[in-house]
Amino acid sequence: MGLKAVYINYCIYLGLSSIIIGLGLSTIIPTALALLITALLILIVFGILMFYSKTYGAKGFVKKMADAQMPRTIKVSNSFTTLLVWKNN
């Protein structure tokens, strides 16, 4: 279907969790409505995973998540004027 490597695991885990959510909803709301919500959840999850699979490739999603966790700036707690190189003696 076009899913690559890591996305198959995500599809299985998120699909099963959608089914469990649907089973939980069926105790609260009518079963037909819970089935409709569950089917929509599974389709949305599959669509999102297909998008990531085609956009980022097999390992691209993991790399994208790692890039998102990198710091944007580096904070310097020591001012440069206290270094010996910068002093005018």
PDB file of N, CA and C in Angstrom:
ATOM      1  N   MET A   1       0.811  -1.206   0.000  1.00  0.00           N
ATOM      2  CA  MET A   1       0.000   0.000   0.000  1.00  0.00           C
ATOM      3  C   MET A   1       0.849   1.261   0.000  1.00  0.00           C
ATOM      4  N   GLY A   2       2.136   1.133   0.078  1.00  0.00           N
ATOM      5  CA  GLY A   2       2.994   2.303   0.064  1.00  0.00           C
ATOM      6  C   GLY A   2       3.589   2.646   1.414  1.00  0.00           C
ATOM      7  N   LEU A   3       3.155   1.967   2.475  1.00  0.00           N
ATOM      8  CA  LEU A   3       3.742   2.219   3.784  1.00  0.00           C
ATOM      9  C   LEU A   3       5.143   1.627   3.830  1.00  0.00           C
ATOM     10  N   LYS A   4       6.051   2.327   4.454  1.00  0.00           N
ATOM     11  CA  LYS A   4       7.427   1.861   4.524  1.00  0.00           C
ATOM     12  C   LYS A   4       7.808   1.623   5.979  1.00  0.00           C
ATOM     13  N   ALA A   5       8.565   0.600   6.219  1.00  0.00           N
ATOM     14  CA  ALA A   5       9.297   0.271   7.441  1.00  0.00           C
ATOM     15  C   ALA A   5       8.587   0.644   8.726  1.00  0.00           C
ATOM     16  N   VAL A   6       8.992   1.718   9.356  1.00  0.00           N
ATOM     17  CA  VAL A   6       8.547   2.093  10.702  1.00  0.00           C
ATOM     18  C   VAL A   6       7.051   2.378  10.728  1.00  0.00           C
ATOM     19  N   TYR A   7       6.500   2.856   9.629  1.00  0.00           N
ATOM     20  CA  TYR A   7       5.106   3.256   9.603  1.00  0.00           C
ATOM     21  C   TYR A   7       4.156   2.076   9.759  1.00  0.00           C
ATOM     22  N   ILE A   8       4.592   0.885   9.402  1.00  0.00           N
ATOM     23  CA  ILE A   8       3.731  -0.283   9.561  1.00  0.00           C
ATOM     24  C   ILE A   8       3.473  -0.543  11.043  1.00  0.00           C
ATOM     25  N   ASN A   9       4.505  -0.393  11.871  1.00  0.00           N
ATOM     26  CA  ASN A   9       4.308  -0.544  13.322  1.00  0.00           C
ATOM     27  C   ASN A   9       3.375   0.533  13.852  1.00  0.00           C
ATOM     28  N   TYR A  10       3.585   1.782  13.426  1.00  0.00           N
ATOM     29  CA  TYR A  10       2.705   2.860  13.868  1.00  0.00           C
ATOM     30  C   TYR A  10       1.273   2.584  13.445  1.00  0.00           C
ATOM     31  N   CYS A  11       1.085   2.086  12.235  1.00  0.00           N
ATOM     32  CA  CYS A  11      -0.247   1.800  11.725  1.00  0.00           C
ATOM     33  C   CYS A  11      -0.926   0.718  12.570  1.00  0.00           C
ATOM     34  N   ILE A  12      -0.181  -0.307  12.918  1.00  0.00           N
ATOM     35  CA  ILE A  12      -0.748  -1.382  13.735  1.00  0.00           C
ATOM     36  C   ILE A  12      -1.114  -0.873  15.125  1.00  0.00           C
ATOM     37  N   TYR A  13      -0.187  -0.166  15.773  1.00  0.00           N
ATOM     38  CA  TYR A  13      -0.443   0.305  17.142  1.00  0.00           C
ATOM     39  C   TYR A  13      -1.578   1.325  17.189  1.00  0.00           C
ATOM     40  N   LEU A  14      -1.546   2.283  16.290  1.00  0.00           N
ATOM     41  CA  LEU A  14      -2.590   3.311  16.306  1.00  0.00           C
ATOM     42  C   LEU A  14      -3.931   2.747  15.842  1.00  0.00           C
ATOM     43  N   GLY A  15      -3.911   1.785  14.921  1.00  0.00           N
ATOM     44  CA  GLY A  15      -5.154   1.144  14.492  1.00  0.00           C
ATOM     45  C   GLY A  15      -5.796   0.358  15.621  1.00  0.00           C
ATOM     46  N   LEU A  16      -4.976  -0.381  16.357  1.00  0.00           N
ATOM     47  CA  LEU A  16      -5.510  -1.129  17.508  1.00  0.00           C
ATOM     48  C   LEU A  16      -6.022  -0.198  18.597  1.00  0.00           C
ATOM     49  N   SER A  17      -5.316   0.906  18.827  1.00  0.00           N
ATOM     50  CA  SER A  17      -5.798   1.842  19.842  1.00  0.00           C
ATOM     51  C   SER A  17      -7.096   2.506  19.393  1.00  0.00           C
ATOM     52  N   SER A  18      -7.274   2.738  18.100  1.00  0.00           N
ATOM     53  CA  SER A  18      -8.539   3.275  17.591  1.00  0.00           C
ATOM     54  C   SER A  18      -9.679   2.293  17.826  1.00  0.00           C
ATOM     55  N   ILE A  19      -9.415   1.023  17.613  1.00  0.00           N
ATOM     56  CA  ILE A  19     -10.439   0.001  17.837  1.00  0.00           C
ATOM     57  C   ILE A  19     -10.803  -0.075  19.317  1.00  0.00           C
ATOM     58  N   ILE A  20      -9.812   0.020  20.190  1.00  0.00           N
ATOM     59  CA  ILE A  20     -10.085  -0.006  21.630  1.00  0.00           C
ATOM     60  C   ILE A  20     -10.894   1.212  22.047  1.00  0.00           C
ATOM     61  N   ILE A  21     -10.567   2.372  21.488  1.00  0.00           N
ATOM     62  CA  ILE A  21     -11.347   3.586  21.774  1.00  0.00           C
ATOM     63  C   ILE A  21     -12.787   3.391  21.298  1.00  0.00           C
ATOM     64  N   GLY A  22     -12.955   2.786  20.119  1.00  0.00           N
ATOM     65  CA  GLY A  22     -14.302   2.516  19.603  1.00  0.00           C
ATOM     66  C   GLY A  22     -15.083   1.574  20.491  1.00  0.00           C
ATOM     67  N   LEU A  23     -14.409   0.547  21.011  1.00  0.00           N
ATOM     68  CA  LEU A  23     -15.090  -0.370  21.927  1.00  0.00           C
ATOM     69  C   LEU A  23     -15.501   0.341  23.211  1.00  0.00           C
ATOM     70  N   GLY A  24     -14.652   1.233  23.682  1.00  0.00           N
ATOM     71  CA  GLY A  24     -15.005   2.007  24.873  1.00  0.00           C
ATOM     72  C   GLY A  24     -16.158   2.955  24.604  1.00  0.00           C
ATOM     73  N   LEU A  25     -16.157   3.553  23.427  1.00  0.00           N
ATOM     74  CA  LEU A  25     -17.256   4.457  23.080  1.00  0.00           C
ATOM     75  C   LEU A  25     -18.579   3.717  22.917  1.00  0.00           C
ATOM     76  N   SER A  26     -18.530   2.470  22.490  1.00  0.00           N
ATOM     77  CA  SER A  26     -19.772   1.724  22.267  1.00  0.00           C
ATOM     78  C   SER A  26     -20.532   1.444  23.557  1.00  0.00           C
ATOM     79  N   THR A  27     -19.874   1.568  24.685  1.00  0.00           N
ATOM     80  CA  THR A  27     -20.586   1.404  25.959  1.00  0.00           C
ATOM     81  C   THR A  27     -21.296   2.686  26.365  1.00  0.00           C
ATOM     82  N   ILE A  28     -20.898   3.807  25.782  1.00  0.00           N
ATOM     83  CA  ILE A  28     -21.472   5.100  26.157  1.00  0.00           C
ATOM     84  C   ILE A  28     -22.498   5.577  25.137  1.00  0.00           C
ATOM     85  N   ILE A  29     -22.153   5.465  23.856  1.00  0.00           N
ATOM     86  CA  ILE A  29     -23.025   5.944  22.784  1.00  0.00           C
ATOM     87  C   ILE A  29     -23.503   4.744  21.972  1.00  0.00           C
ATOM     88  N   PRO A  30     -24.472   4.941  21.083  1.00  0.00           N
ATOM     89  CA  PRO A  30     -24.958   3.816  20.264  1.00  0.00           C
ATOM     90  C   PRO A  30     -23.831   3.176  19.452  1.00  0.00           C
ATOM     91  N   THR A  31     -23.941   1.886  19.245  1.00  0.00           N
ATOM     92  CA  THR A  31     -22.888   1.102  18.597  1.00  0.00           C
ATOM     93  C   THR A  31     -22.623   1.571  17.170  1.00  0.00           C
ATOM     94  N   ALA A  32     -23.670   1.921  16.430  1.00  0.00           N
ATOM     95  CA  ALA A  32     -23.488   2.360  15.046  1.00  0.00           C
ATOM     96  C   ALA A  32     -22.665   3.645  14.988  1.00  0.00           C
ATOM     97  N   LEU A  33     -22.925   4.559  15.894  1.00  0.00           N
ATOM     98  CA  LEU A  33     -22.159   5.813  15.946  1.00  0.00           C
ATOM     99  C   LEU A  33     -20.721   5.547  16.375  1.00  0.00           C
ATOM    100  N   ALA A  34     -20.527   4.654  17.320  1.00  0.00           N
ATOM    101  CA  ALA A  34     -19.172   4.289  17.752  1.00  0.00           C
ATOM    102  C   ALA A  34     -18.408   3.621  16.616  1.00  0.00           C
ATOM    103  N   LEU A  35     -19.083   2.788  15.818  1.00  0.00           N
ATOM    104  CA  LEU A  35     -18.451   2.144  14.666  1.00  0.00           C
ATOM    105  C   LEU A  35     -18.046   3.179  13.621  1.00  0.00           C
ATOM    106  N   LEU A  36     -18.899   4.162  13.402  1.00  0.00           N
ATOM    107  CA  LEU A  36     -18.584   5.234  12.453  1.00  0.00           C
ATOM    108  C   LEU A  36     -17.382   6.043  12.924  1.00  0.00           C
ATOM    109  N   ILE A  37     -17.340   6.399  14.194  1.00  0.00           N
ATOM    110  CA  ILE A  37     -16.219   7.161  14.752  1.00  0.00           C
ATOM    111  C   ILE A  37     -14.932   6.350  14.674  1.00  0.00           C
ATOM    112  N   THR A  38     -15.015   5.062  14.970  1.00  0.00           N
ATOM    113  CA  THR A  38     -13.837   4.188  14.899  1.00  0.00           C
ATOM    114  C   THR A  38     -13.310   4.091  13.475  1.00  0.00           C
ATOM    115  N   ALA A  39     -14.212   3.938  12.515  1.00  0.00           N
ATOM    116  CA  ALA A  39     -13.789   3.856  11.109  1.00  0.00           C
ATOM    117  C   ALA A  39     -13.138   5.162  10.665  1.00  0.00           C
ATOM    118  N   LEU A  40     -13.696   6.291  11.087  1.00  0.00           N
ATOM    119  CA  LEU A  40     -13.096   7.590  10.749  1.00  0.00           C
ATOM    120  C   LEU A  40     -11.712   7.743  11.377  1.00  0.00           C
ATOM    121  N   LEU A  41     -11.566   7.318  12.624  1.00  0.00           N
ATOM    122  CA  LEU A  41     -10.259   7.390  13.288  1.00  0.00           C
ATOM    123  C   LEU A  41      -9.214   6.554  12.552  1.00  0.00           C
ATOM    124  N   ILE A  42      -9.601   5.349  12.156  1.00  0.00           N
ATOM    125  CA  ILE A  42      -8.664   4.478  11.445  1.00  0.00           C
ATOM    126  C   ILE A  42      -8.283   5.082  10.103  1.00  0.00           C
ATOM    127  N   LEU A  43      -9.244   5.647   9.373  1.00  0.00           N
ATOM    128  CA  LEU A  43      -8.941   6.276   8.086  1.00  0.00           C
ATOM    129  C   LEU A  43      -8.041   7.499   8.249  1.00  0.00           C
ATOM    130  N   ILE A  44      -8.278   8.300   9.280  1.00  0.00           N
ATOM    131  CA  ILE A  44      -7.442   9.477   9.526  1.00  0.00           C
ATOM    132  C   ILE A  44      -6.025   9.055   9.869  1.00  0.00           C
ATOM    133  N   VAL A  45      -5.873   8.058  10.736  1.00  0.00           N
ATOM    134  CA  VAL A  45      -4.545   7.570  11.114  1.00  0.00           C
ATOM    135  C   VAL A  45      -3.811   7.020   9.899  1.00  0.00           C
ATOM    136  N   PHE A  46      -4.506   6.230   9.083  1.00  0.00           N
ATOM    137  CA  PHE A  46      -3.885   5.660   7.899  1.00  0.00           C
ATOM    138  C   PHE A  46      -3.491   6.752   6.908  1.00  0.00           C
ATOM    139  N   GLY A  47      -4.338   7.755   6.740  1.00  0.00           N
ATOM    140  CA  GLY A  47      -4.018   8.866   5.838  1.00  0.00           C
ATOM    141  C   GLY A  47      -2.806   9.657   6.296  1.00  0.00           C
ATOM    142  N   ILE A  48      -2.721   9.927   7.584  1.00  0.00           N
ATOM    143  CA  ILE A  48      -1.567  10.667   8.128  1.00  0.00           C
ATOM    144  C   ILE A  48      -0.295   9.852   7.953  1.00  0.00           C
ATOM    145  N   LEU A  49      -0.352   8.566   8.235  1.00  0.00           N
ATOM    146  CA  LEU A  49       0.833   7.724   8.077  1.00  0.00           C
ATOM    147  C   LEU A  49       1.241   7.587   6.615  1.00  0.00           C
ATOM    148  N   MET A  50       0.284   7.533   5.697  1.00  0.00           N
ATOM    149  CA  MET A  50       0.622   7.499   4.274  1.00  0.00           C
ATOM    150  C   MET A  50       1.297   8.796   3.851  1.00  0.00           C
ATOM    151  N   PHE A  51       0.813   9.924   4.377  1.00  0.00           N
ATOM    152  CA  PHE A  51       1.433  11.212   4.064  1.00  0.00           C
ATOM    153  C   PHE A  51       2.882  11.233   4.533  1.00  0.00           C
ATOM    154  N   TYR A  52       3.122  10.831   5.779  1.00  0.00           N
ATOM    155  CA  TYR A  52       4.494  10.822   6.301  1.00  0.00           C
ATOM    156  C   TYR A  52       5.367   9.820   5.558  1.00  0.00           C
ATOM    157  N   SER A  53       4.810   8.693   5.165  1.00  0.00           N
ATOM    158  CA  SER A  53       5.581   7.686   4.458  1.00  0.00           C
ATOM    159  C   SER A  53       6.027   8.205   3.095  1.00  0.00           C
ATOM    160  N   LYS A  54       5.130   8.870   2.381  1.00  0.00           N
ATOM    161  CA  LYS A  54       5.482   9.394   1.064  1.00  0.00           C
ATOM    162  C   LYS A  54       6.360  10.636   1.151  1.00  0.00           C
ATOM    163  N   THR A  55       6.163  11.449   2.183  1.00  0.00           N
ATOM    164  CA  THR A  55       6.909  12.699   2.302  1.00  0.00           C
ATOM    165  C   THR A  55       8.327  12.468   2.796  1.00  0.00           C
ATOM    166  N   TYR A  56       8.496  11.657   3.834  1.00  0.00           N
ATOM    167  CA  TYR A  56       9.792  11.532   4.495  1.00  0.00           C
ATOM    168  C   TYR A  56      10.504  10.215   4.230  1.00  0.00           C
ATOM    169  N   GLY A  57       9.868   9.253   3.617  1.00  0.00           N
ATOM    170  CA  GLY A  57      10.510   7.974   3.338  1.00  0.00           C
ATOM    171  C   GLY A  57      10.531   7.069   4.557  1.00  0.00           C
ATOM    172  N   ALA A  58      11.349   6.020   4.466  1.00  0.00           N
ATOM    173  CA  ALA A  58      11.337   4.984   5.497  1.00  0.00           C
ATOM    174  C   ALA A  58      11.859   5.481   6.837  1.00  0.00           C
ATOM    175  N   LYS A  59      12.955   6.194   6.849  1.00  0.00           N
ATOM    176  CA  LYS A  59      13.551   6.649   8.108  1.00  0.00           C
ATOM    177  C   LYS A  59      13.408   8.150   8.314  1.00  0.00           C
ATOM    178  N   GLY A  60      12.764   8.829   7.394  1.00  0.00           N
ATOM    179  CA  GLY A  60      12.680  10.287   7.450  1.00  0.00           C
ATOM    180  C   GLY A  60      11.872  10.808   8.616  1.00  0.00           C
ATOM    181  N   PHE A  61      10.828  10.087   9.014  1.00  0.00           N
ATOM    182  CA  PHE A  61       9.990  10.551  10.121  1.00  0.00           C
ATOM    183  C   PHE A  61      10.769  10.556  11.426  1.00  0.00           C
ATOM    184  N   VAL A  62      11.586   9.539  11.635  1.00  0.00           N
ATOM    185  CA  VAL A  62      12.412   9.469  12.845  1.00  0.00           C
ATOM    186  C   VAL A  62      13.435  10.602  12.825  1.00  0.00           C
ATOM    187  N   LYS A  63      14.014  10.880  11.654  1.00  0.00           N
ATOM    188  CA  LYS A  63      14.973  11.981  11.539  1.00  0.00           C
ATOM    189  C   LYS A  63      14.279  13.315  11.768  1.00  0.00           C
ATOM    190  N   LYS A  64      13.054  13.467  11.281  1.00  0.00           N
ATOM    191  CA  LYS A  64      12.304  14.704  11.489  1.00  0.00           C
ATOM    192  C   LYS A  64      12.022  14.924  12.971  1.00  0.00           C
ATOM    193  N   MET A  65      11.658  13.856  13.690  1.00  0.00           N
ATOM    194  CA  MET A  65      11.410  13.985  15.123  1.00  0.00           C
ATOM    195  C   MET A  65      12.697  14.333  15.867  1.00  0.00           C
ATOM    196  N   ALA A  66      13.830  13.763  15.436  1.00  0.00           N
ATOM    197  CA  ALA A  66      15.108  14.072  16.077  1.00  0.00           C
ATOM    198  C   ALA A  66      15.511  15.517  15.797  1.00  0.00           C
ATOM    199  N   ASP A  67      15.274  16.006  14.580  1.00  0.00           N
ATOM    200  CA  ASP A  67      15.591  17.397  14.256  1.00  0.00           C
ATOM    201  C   ASP A  67      14.729  18.364  15.053  1.00  0.00           C
ATOM    202  N   ALA A  68      13.490  17.970  15.343  1.00  0.00           N
ATOM    203  CA  ALA A  68      12.599  18.836  16.110  1.00  0.00           C
ATOM    204  C   ALA A  68      13.061  18.977  17.552  1.00  0.00           C
ATOM    205  N   GLN A  69      13.809  18.003  18.067  1.00  0.00           N
ATOM    206  CA  GLN A  69      14.268  18.050  19.448  1.00  0.00           C
ATOM    207  C   GLN A  69      15.600  18.761  19.603  1.00  0.00           C
ATOM    208  N   MET A  70      16.252  19.113  18.487  1.00  0.00           N
ATOM    209  CA  MET A  70      17.533  19.813  18.579  1.00  0.00           C
ATOM    210  C   MET A  70      17.300  21.252  19.039  1.00  0.00           C
ATOM    211  N   PRO A  71      18.203  21.789  19.847  1.00  0.00           N
ATOM    212  CA  PRO A  71      18.038  23.179  20.274  1.00  0.00           C
ATOM    213  C   PRO A  71      18.266  24.134  19.112  1.00  0.00           C
ATOM    214  N   ARG A  72      17.513  25.218  19.088  1.00  0.00           N
ATOM    215  CA  ARG A  72      17.655  26.214  18.023  1.00  0.00           C
ATOM    216  C   ARG A  72      18.843  27.137  18.279  1.00  0.00           C
ATOM    217  N   THR A  73      19.104  27.420  19.536  1.00  0.00           N
ATOM    218  CA  THR A  73      20.223  28.301  19.895  1.00  0.00           C
ATOM    219  C   THR A  73      21.019  27.666  21.026  1.00  0.00           C
ATOM    220  N   ILE A  74      22.225  28.169  21.205  1.00  0.00           N
ATOM    221  CA  ILE A  74      23.069  27.711  22.303  1.00  0.00           C
ATOM    222  C   ILE A  74      23.221  28.867  23.265  1.00  0.00           C
ATOM    223  N   LYS A  75      22.888  28.631  24.516  1.00  0.00           N
ATOM    224  CA  LYS A  75      22.954  29.670  25.520  1.00  0.00           C
ATOM    225  C   LYS A  75      24.350  29.675  26.132  1.00  0.00           C
ATOM    226  N   VAL A  76      24.967  30.852  26.151  1.00  0.00           N
ATOM    227  CA  VAL A  76      26.296  31.003  26.734  1.00  0.00           C
ATOM    228  C   VAL A  76      26.117  31.679  28.088  1.00  0.00           C
ATOM    229  N   SER A  77      26.542  31.001  29.136  1.00  0.00           N
ATOM    230  CA  SER A  77      26.354  31.555  30.468  1.00  0.00           C
ATOM    231  C   SER A  77      27.544  32.389  30.920  1.00  0.00           C
ATOM    232  N   ASN A  78      28.641  32.315  30.191  1.00  0.00           N
ATOM    233  CA  ASN A  78      29.843  33.040  30.553  1.00  0.00           C
ATOM    234  C   ASN A  78      30.061  34.159  29.533  1.00  0.00           C
ATOM    235  N   SER A  79      30.259  35.378  30.008  1.00  0.00           N
ATOM    236  CA  SER A  79      30.483  36.468  29.057  1.00  0.00           C
ATOM    237  C   SER A  79      31.913  36.397  28.538  1.00  0.00           C
ATOM    238  N   PHE A  80      32.100  36.874  27.334  1.00  0.00           N
ATOM    239  CA  PHE A  80      33.402  36.786  26.693  1.00  0.00           C
ATOM    240  C   PHE A  80      34.403  37.801  27.255  1.00  0.00           C
ATOM    241  N   THR A  81      33.953  38.787  28.000  1.00  0.00           N
ATOM    242  CA  THR A  81      34.865  39.801  28.537  1.00  0.00           C
ATOM    243  C   THR A  81      35.711  39.258  29.670  1.00  0.00           C
ATOM    244  N   THR A  82      35.322  38.158  30.275  1.00  0.00           N
ATOM    245  CA  THR A  82      36.100  37.613  31.369  1.00  0.00           C
ATOM    246  C   THR A  82      37.226  36.690  30.906  1.00  0.00           C
ATOM    247  N   LEU A  83      37.289  36.398  29.618  1.00  0.00           N
ATOM    248  CA  LEU A  83      38.348  35.563  29.104  1.00  0.00           C
ATOM    249  C   LEU A  83      39.642  36.368  29.010  1.00  0.00           C
ATOM    250  N   LEU A  84      40.776  35.725  29.216  1.00  0.00           N
ATOM    251  CA  LEU A  84      42.066  36.393  29.189  1.00  0.00           C
ATOM    252  C   LEU A  84      42.389  36.978  27.823  1.00  0.00           C
ATOM    253  N   VAL A  85      41.920  36.368  26.782  1.00  0.00           N
ATOM    254  CA  VAL A  85      42.211  36.835  25.435  1.00  0.00           C
ATOM    255  C   VAL A  85      41.612  38.204  25.193  1.00  0.00           C
ATOM    256  N   TRP A  86      40.491  38.473  25.786  1.00  0.00           N
ATOM    257  CA  TRP A  86      39.767  39.706  25.523  1.00  0.00           C
ATOM    258  C   TRP A  86      40.179  40.855  26.427  1.00  0.00           C
ATOM    259  N   LYS A  87      40.947  40.604  27.439  1.00  0.00           N
ATOM    260  CA  LYS A  87      41.333  41.673  28.359  1.00  0.00           C
ATOM    261  C   LYS A  87      42.430  42.520  27.752  1.00  0.00           C
ATOM    262  N   ASN A  88      42.340  43.816  27.909  1.00  0.00           N
ATOM    263  CA  ASN A  88      43.357  44.748  27.409  1.00  0.00           C
ATOM    264  C   ASN A  88      44.265  45.163  28.564  1.00  0.00           C
ATOM    265  N   ASN A  89      45.292  44.410  28.810  1.00  0.00           N
ATOM    266  CA  ASN A  89      46.224  44.710  29.908  1.00  0.00           C
ATOM    267  C   ASN A  89      47.511  45.236  29.379  1.00  0.00           C
TER     268      ASN A  89
END
